[in-house]
Amino acid sequence: MAERCAQVLNRTLLELFEQREDVYLIGEDVLDPYGGAFKVTRGLSDRFPGRVITTPISELSLFGVASGMAIRGFRPILEIMFGDFIALGFDQIVNGISKFREMYDGQVTVPLVVRTPMGGRRGYGPTHSQSLEKLLLGVPNIRVVAPSECHEVGELLAEAVLDDDPVFFIENKLMYGRPMRRRAGGYLGELSCWERGEPYPSLTLSGNDFAGARATIATYGGMVPIAIEAATELILEHELFCEVVALSRLLPLDVEPVLDSVSRTGALITAEEGGLTGGVGAELVARVQEEAWDELRAPARRVAARDCAIPAAPTLEQRVLPASEDIVAAVLSLQGVEV
């Protein structure tokens, strides 16, 4: 049976702690037996009691302490229990963490990893369900990585810890309980799969060996399985093939695999769980239309959450967050099919 993503992340953390004495973990409720809100840190404090630091509810202070440790040569991993609370650390992020290396002329680095869950679909309500990664996209000198269960999440986390730049590692909440989707022989299940870009690769998936697809669906994180579901429905119900580009690196934005796919399909749909305005999709559409305008046969479409607070009631939450049928409708509209 395939490991769940939370198990892979947990195993990777244990391996990193065993291999490197400069790796520390800081966060709220990360000690055993609790092991974090989503159990990703379970077992760490029992085995490495001096290197796992539990803290009060104090996100602003946590960012400051973690960045100070990074400057002094440690490789801290800061767990923010819910991604919504990165907002409390924005002064530290924007005016410190992202600037120290340049301000001090490269004499210091900030090898800090901020791990945090994002996303809804669990009924946690307006302040524990947001996808706020788009707020980080305008901050220079940091990396934003958002894997899915189709990526090698353990390898991505290990690369983030070894990175000399600050890395925000965005983990979709639903991903934790899902089994890893393993690739073999150039395939992910029944889909052909290309991987490109190191150390945070993207995946391009195709149901017809990258020939004759009618649209590119560019997405990341928790929307990847939803995009695959939509692409499968388009094949089975409408005989339309699409390529799905599953990004892992959002900053600096990994636009090359999207441009490559659009050169074959001539159409682009972006899909993200965050709000529509100013999102990852907006930046992708702008970049693609600047660099590949002549290859697009129709204006790009964006699929995203509504620009409003996320309700706790499941039926209302479903109406706010994007679903596979929204992606299907966007693809069909590009083909001139009324929906």
Protein backbone atom coordinates (compact mmCIF):
# COMPACT_ATOMS: atom_id res chain seq x y z
CA MET A 1 0.00 0.00 0.00
CA ALA A 2 1.30 3.43 -0.95
CA GLU A 3 2.38 5.73 1.84
CA ARG A 4 0.16 8.67 2.65
CA CYS A 5 1.68 12.08 2.02
CA ALA A 6 1.78 12.89 5.74
CA GLN A 7 3.76 9.71 6.33
CA VAL A 8 6.26 10.64 3.62
CA LEU A 9 6.74 14.13 5.06
CA ASN A 10 7.17 12.68 8.55
CA ARG A 11 9.72 10.13 7.36
CA THR A 12 11.62 12.83 5.47
CA LEU A 13 11.82 15.02 8.57
CA LEU A 14 13.17 12.12 10.61
CA GLU A 15 15.80 11.42 7.94
CA LEU A 16 16.83 15.07 7.77
CA PHE A 17 17.21 15.24 11.55
CA GLU A 18 19.35 12.11 11.49
CA GLN A 19 21.56 13.37 8.67
CA ARG A 20 22.07 17.00 9.77
CA GLU A 21 22.63 18.37 13.25
CA ASP A 22 21.85 21.92 12.08
CA VAL A 23 18.17 21.13 11.36
CA TYR A 24 15.70 22.31 14.01
CA LEU A 25 11.90 22.38 14.16
CA ILE A 26 9.93 25.23 15.69
CA GLY A 27 6.15 25.44 16.01
CA GLU A 28 3.01 25.22 18.10
CA ASP A 29 1.99 21.83 19.55
CA VAL A 30 4.73 19.97 17.70
CA LEU A 31 5.84 17.87 20.67
CA ASP A 32 4.91 14.21 21.12
CA PRO A 33 2.53 12.61 21.67
CA TYR A 34 0.46 15.23 19.79
CA GLY A 35 2.96 15.68 16.96
CA GLY A 36 1.39 18.69 15.29
CA ALA A 37 -2.15 19.43 14.17
CA PHE A 38 -1.77 17.15 11.15
CA LYS A 39 0.70 14.67 12.78
CA VAL A 40 3.52 15.44 10.36
CA THR A 41 6.00 15.98 13.24
CA ARG A 42 5.04 12.89 15.22
CA GLY A 43 8.03 11.11 16.73
CA LEU A 44 10.51 13.94 16.20
CA SER A 45 10.61 15.36 19.73
CA ASP A 46 10.99 11.92 21.33
CA ARG A 47 14.04 11.16 19.19
CA PHE A 48 15.51 14.68 19.06
CA PRO A 49 14.25 16.44 22.19
CA GLY A 50 16.72 19.32 22.09
CA ARG A 51 15.99 20.21 18.47
CA VAL A 52 12.18 20.33 18.49
CA ILE A 53 10.93 23.53 20.09
CA THR A 54 7.28 23.99 20.97
CA THR A 55 6.07 27.56 21.41
CA PRO A 56 3.14 29.70 22.51
CA ILE A 57 0.72 31.09 19.92
CA SER A 58 3.13 33.75 18.67
CA GLU A 59 3.58 33.62 14.89
CA LEU A 60 5.25 37.02 14.59
CA SER A 61 7.86 36.03 17.16
CA LEU A 62 8.32 32.63 15.53
CA PHE A 63 9.29 34.18 12.22
CA GLY A 64 11.79 36.40 13.99
CA VAL A 65 13.38 33.58 16.01
CA ALA A 66 13.53 31.25 13.01
CA SER A 67 15.11 33.87 10.74
CA GLY A 68 17.68 34.67 13.42
CA MET A 69 18.59 30.99 13.71
CA ALA A 70 18.94 30.76 9.93
CA ILE A 71 21.27 33.75 9.80
CA ARG A 72 23.44 32.17 12.50
CA GLY A 73 23.97 29.02 10.44
CA PHE A 74 21.16 26.69 11.47
CA ARG A 75 18.55 25.31 9.08
CA PRO A 76 15.30 25.81 10.97
CA ILE A 77 11.97 24.42 9.83
CA LEU A 78 9.15 26.63 11.04
CA GLU A 79 5.72 25.01 11.15
CA ILE A 80 2.84 27.48 11.01
CA MET A 81 -0.15 25.43 12.13
CA PHE A 82 -2.55 26.98 9.60
CA GLY A 83 -1.42 28.92 6.56
CA ASP A 84 -3.88 31.68 7.32
CA PHE A 85 -1.53 32.83 10.08
CA ILE A 86 1.43 33.66 7.83
CA ALA A 87 -0.23 37.08 7.70
CA LEU A 88 0.96 37.65 11.27
CA GLY A 89 4.56 37.33 10.11
CA PHE A 90 4.44 39.58 7.07
CA ASP A 91 6.60 42.34 8.53
CA GLN A 92 9.31 39.79 9.26
CA ILE A 93 8.87 38.22 5.81
CA VAL A 94 8.78 41.39 3.71
CA ASN A 95 11.21 43.61 5.63
CA GLY A 96 13.63 41.02 6.99
CA ILE A 97 13.69 37.42 5.79
CA SER A 98 13.46 38.30 2.10
CA LYS A 99 15.99 41.14 2.28
CA PHE A 100 18.81 40.07 4.62
CA ARG A 101 20.93 38.40 1.95
CA GLU A 102 20.88 41.45 -0.33
CA MET A 103 21.09 44.03 2.45
CA TYR A 104 24.27 42.41 3.79
CA ASP A 105 25.81 41.92 0.33
CA GLY A 106 25.63 38.14 0.41
CA GLN A 107 27.54 37.81 3.69
CA VAL A 108 24.59 35.97 5.25
CA THR A 109 22.02 33.51 3.96
CA VAL A 110 18.59 32.67 5.37
CA PRO A 111 18.10 28.91 4.85
CA LEU A 112 14.67 28.89 6.48
CA VAL A 113 11.80 26.56 5.55
CA VAL A 114 8.28 27.61 6.50
CA ARG A 115 5.97 24.58 6.32
CA THR A 116 2.28 25.35 6.46
CA PRO A 117 -1.03 23.78 5.41
CA MET A 118 -3.36 25.74 3.15
CA GLY A 119 -6.77 25.15 1.66
CA GLY A 120 -10.33 24.32 2.56
CA ARG A 121 -12.82 21.49 1.99
CA ARG A 122 -12.66 20.48 5.65
CA GLY A 123 -15.26 22.84 7.10
CA TYR A 124 -12.78 24.86 9.15
CA GLY A 125 -14.36 28.19 8.27
CA PRO A 126 -13.17 31.63 7.16
CA THR A 127 -9.88 31.92 9.10
CA HIS A 128 -8.58 28.34 8.81
CA SER A 129 -9.40 27.46 5.20
CA GLN A 130 -7.74 30.06 3.00
CA SER A 131 -5.17 29.60 0.26
CA LEU A 132 -2.98 32.67 0.72
CA GLU A 133 0.09 31.68 -1.27
CA LYS A 134 -0.69 34.44 -3.77
CA LEU A 135 0.19 37.00 -1.08
CA LEU A 136 3.80 35.78 -1.26
CA LEU A 137 4.17 36.10 -5.03
CA GLY A 138 5.27 39.73 -4.96
CA VAL A 139 7.98 39.19 -2.35
CA PRO A 140 11.46 38.99 -3.94
CA ASN A 141 14.24 36.59 -2.90
CA ILE A 142 12.04 33.85 -1.47
CA ARG A 143 10.80 30.60 -2.94
CA VAL A 144 7.24 29.29 -2.80
CA VAL A 145 6.82 25.55 -3.34
CA ALA A 146 3.39 23.89 -3.43
CA PRO A 147 3.56 20.14 -4.13
CA SER A 148 0.75 17.67 -4.75
CA GLU A 149 0.49 13.95 -4.08
CA CYS A 150 1.68 13.43 -7.68
CA HIS A 151 5.05 14.97 -6.82
CA GLU A 152 7.78 13.38 -4.71
CA VAL A 153 6.85 15.44 -1.67
CA GLY A 154 9.64 14.06 0.49
CA GLU A 155 12.30 14.93 -2.07
CA LEU A 156 10.87 18.43 -2.45
CA LEU A 157 10.94 19.00 1.31
CA ALA A 158 14.53 17.78 1.50
CA GLU A 159 15.52 20.15 -1.30
CA ALA A 160 13.81 23.01 0.52
CA VAL A 161 15.79 22.34 3.69
CA LEU A 162 19.04 22.32 1.70
CA ASP A 163 18.14 25.55 -0.12
CA ASP A 164 20.12 28.60 1.00
CA ASP A 165 17.14 30.88 0.30
CA PRO A 166 13.94 31.07 2.36
CA VAL A 167 11.37 28.53 1.16
CA PHE A 168 7.64 28.60 1.90
CA PHE A 169 6.50 25.00 1.60
CA ILE A 170 2.73 24.98 1.07
CA GLU A 171 0.98 21.71 1.94
CA ASN A 172 -2.65 21.34 0.97
CA LYS A 173 -4.63 19.94 3.91
CA LEU A 174 -6.36 17.20 1.90
CA MET A 175 -3.01 16.00 0.61
CA TYR A 176 -1.97 14.72 4.06
CA GLY A 177 -4.39 11.79 4.06
CA ARG A 178 -3.99 10.84 0.41
CA PRO A 179 -1.68 8.09 -0.86
CA MET A 180 1.25 9.09 -3.00
CA ARG A 181 0.63 8.66 -6.71
CA ARG A 182 3.79 6.93 -7.86
CA ARG A 183 5.21 7.39 -11.34
CA ALA A 184 6.66 4.47 -13.27
CA GLY A 185 8.05 4.17 -16.80
CA GLY A 186 7.01 7.67 -17.81
CA TYR A 187 3.44 7.21 -16.61
CA LEU A 188 1.36 8.36 -13.67
CA GLY A 189 -1.41 5.79 -13.61
CA GLU A 190 -2.77 5.79 -17.17
CA LEU A 191 -1.42 9.26 -17.98
CA SER A 192 1.85 9.94 -19.77
CA CYS A 193 4.06 12.06 -17.56
CA TRP A 194 6.98 14.41 -18.21
CA GLU A 195 9.02 15.86 -15.36
CA ARG A 196 11.14 18.97 -15.82
CA GLY A 197 12.93 21.60 -13.77
CA GLU A 198 15.19 21.03 -10.79
CA PRO A 199 15.17 21.10 -7.82
CA TYR A 200 11.41 21.79 -7.73
CA PRO A 201 10.08 20.04 -10.84
CA SER A 202 6.78 20.40 -12.63
CA LEU A 203 4.82 17.50 -14.09
CA THR A 204 3.05 17.56 -17.45
CA LEU A 205 0.37 14.88 -17.81
CA SER A 206 -1.33 13.70 -20.98
CA GLY A 207 -3.99 11.16 -21.81
CA ASN A 208 -2.90 10.75 -25.44
CA ASP A 209 0.92 10.83 -25.34
CA PHE A 210 1.13 14.60 -25.88
CA ALA A 211 -0.53 14.59 -29.29
CA GLY A 212 -3.69 16.40 -30.29
CA ALA A 213 -4.64 17.93 -26.94
CA ARG A 214 -7.02 20.88 -27.16
CA ALA A 215 -6.14 22.77 -23.97
CA THR A 216 -3.57 23.14 -21.20
CA ILE A 217 -4.78 23.08 -17.59
CA ALA A 218 -2.10 24.69 -15.41
CA THR A 219 -2.48 24.09 -11.70
CA TYR A 220 -0.73 23.17 -8.45
CA GLY A 221 -1.18 21.77 -4.95
CA GLY A 222 -4.62 20.60 -3.95
CA MET A 223 -6.11 21.40 -7.35
CA VAL A 224 -3.93 18.86 -9.16
CA PRO A 225 -6.17 15.81 -8.49
CA ILE A 226 -9.23 17.95 -9.30
CA ALA A 227 -7.66 18.97 -12.62
CA ILE A 228 -6.86 15.31 -13.40
CA GLU A 229 -10.48 14.42 -12.61
CA ALA A 230 -11.67 17.14 -14.99
CA ALA A 231 -9.28 16.02 -17.73
CA THR A 232 -10.53 12.45 -17.37
CA GLU A 233 -14.17 13.55 -17.62
CA LEU A 234 -13.38 15.59 -20.74
CA ILE A 235 -11.93 12.48 -22.35
CA LEU A 236 -14.74 10.13 -21.37
CA GLU A 237 -17.73 12.43 -21.83
CA HIS A 238 -16.61 14.84 -24.57
CA GLU A 239 -13.70 13.10 -26.34
CA LEU A 240 -11.53 16.13 -25.64
CA PHE A 241 -7.92 15.67 -24.57
CA CYS A 242 -6.09 18.14 -22.34
CA GLU A 243 -2.63 18.39 -20.87
CA VAL A 244 -2.37 19.03 -17.14
CA VAL A 245 0.68 20.97 -15.98
CA ALA A 246 1.18 20.42 -12.24
CA LEU A 247 3.59 23.05 -10.96
CA SER A 248 5.50 22.70 -7.72
CA ARG A 249 7.42 26.01 -7.77
CA LEU A 250 5.23 29.10 -7.73
CA LEU A 251 7.99 31.63 -6.99
CA PRO A 252 10.03 32.22 -9.03
CA LEU A 253 7.09 31.25 -11.23
CA ASP A 254 7.87 28.18 -13.34
CA VAL A 255 6.24 29.32 -16.57
CA GLU A 256 8.35 27.29 -19.04
CA PRO A 257 6.39 23.99 -18.82
CA VAL A 258 3.17 25.94 -19.32
CA LEU A 259 4.56 27.70 -22.40
CA ASP A 260 5.76 24.34 -23.72
CA SER A 261 2.32 22.79 -23.30
CA VAL A 262 0.50 25.79 -24.78
CA SER A 263 2.73 25.54 -27.86
CA ARG A 264 1.03 22.18 -28.51
CA THR A 265 -2.53 22.91 -27.35
CA GLY A 266 -3.07 26.58 -28.22
CA ALA A 267 -5.29 27.19 -25.19
CA LEU A 268 -4.81 27.80 -21.47
CA ILE A 269 -6.95 27.31 -18.37
CA THR A 270 -5.50 27.97 -14.92
CA ALA A 271 -6.94 26.37 -11.80
CA GLU A 272 -6.23 27.31 -8.18
CA GLU A 273 -8.02 27.08 -4.84
CA GLY A 274 -7.18 30.65 -3.83
CA GLY A 275 -9.30 33.66 -4.75
CA LEU A 276 -9.55 34.73 -8.39
CA THR A 277 -8.28 38.30 -8.09
CA GLY A 278 -4.51 38.70 -8.16
CA GLY A 279 -3.86 34.97 -7.99
CA VAL A 280 -1.29 32.57 -9.39
CA GLY A 281 -3.54 32.09 -12.41
CA ALA A 282 -3.59 35.81 -13.14
CA GLU A 283 0.21 35.91 -13.21
CA LEU A 284 0.42 32.78 -15.37
CA VAL A 285 -2.09 34.16 -17.86
CA ALA A 286 -0.20 37.46 -18.07
CA ARG A 287 3.13 35.71 -18.67
CA VAL A 288 1.76 33.31 -21.28
CA GLN A 289 -0.08 36.04 -23.17
CA GLU A 290 3.07 38.17 -23.17
CA GLU A 291 5.33 35.38 -24.40
CA ALA A 292 3.02 33.20 -26.51
CA TRP A 293 0.20 35.44 -27.71
CA ASP A 294 0.46 34.17 -31.30
CA GLU A 295 0.04 30.58 -30.14
CA LEU A 296 -3.24 31.15 -28.31
CA ARG A 297 -6.37 30.63 -30.38
CA ALA A 298 -8.64 32.04 -27.65
CA PRO A 299 -8.33 34.15 -24.50
CA ALA A 300 -7.14 32.21 -21.46
CA ARG A 301 -9.61 31.23 -18.74
CA ARG A 302 -9.10 31.27 -14.96
CA VAL A 303 -10.77 28.92 -12.48
CA ALA A 304 -10.49 29.88 -8.82
CA ALA A 305 -12.40 30.42 -5.60
CA ARG A 306 -14.89 33.24 -5.29
CA ASP A 307 -13.51 36.42 -3.78
CA CYS A 308 -15.22 36.08 -0.41
CA ALA A 309 -14.80 34.53 3.02
CA ILE A 310 -14.89 30.72 3.00
CA PRO A 311 -17.96 29.40 4.83
CA ALA A 312 -17.80 26.61 7.40
CA ALA A 313 -21.02 24.94 6.20
CA PRO A 314 -20.01 22.23 3.69
CA THR A 315 -22.69 23.05 1.13
CA LEU A 316 -21.74 26.72 1.10
CA GLU A 317 -18.00 25.95 1.09
CA GLN A 318 -18.53 23.82 -2.02
CA ARG A 319 -20.16 26.77 -3.77
CA VAL A 320 -17.22 29.06 -3.00
CA LEU A 321 -14.31 26.74 -3.84
CA PRO A 322 -13.57 25.60 -7.42
CA ALA A 323 -14.48 22.07 -8.51
CA SER A 324 -13.75 19.79 -11.45
CA GLU A 325 -16.96 20.82 -13.17
CA ASP A 326 -15.72 24.42 -13.24
CA ILE A 327 -12.58 23.31 -15.08
CA VAL A 328 -14.66 21.20 -17.49
CA ALA A 329 -16.91 24.19 -18.20
CA ALA A 330 -13.89 26.44 -18.84
CA VAL A 331 -12.37 23.97 -21.29
CA LEU A 332 -15.66 23.50 -23.12
CA SER A 333 -16.17 27.25 -23.40
CA LEU A 334 -12.79 27.53 -25.13
CA GLN A 335 -14.01 24.97 -27.66
CA GLY A 336 -17.17 26.99 -28.28
CA VAL A 337 -19.39 24.48 -26.51
CA GLU A 338 -22.27 26.02 -24.58
CA VAL A 339 -22.45 24.89 -20.94
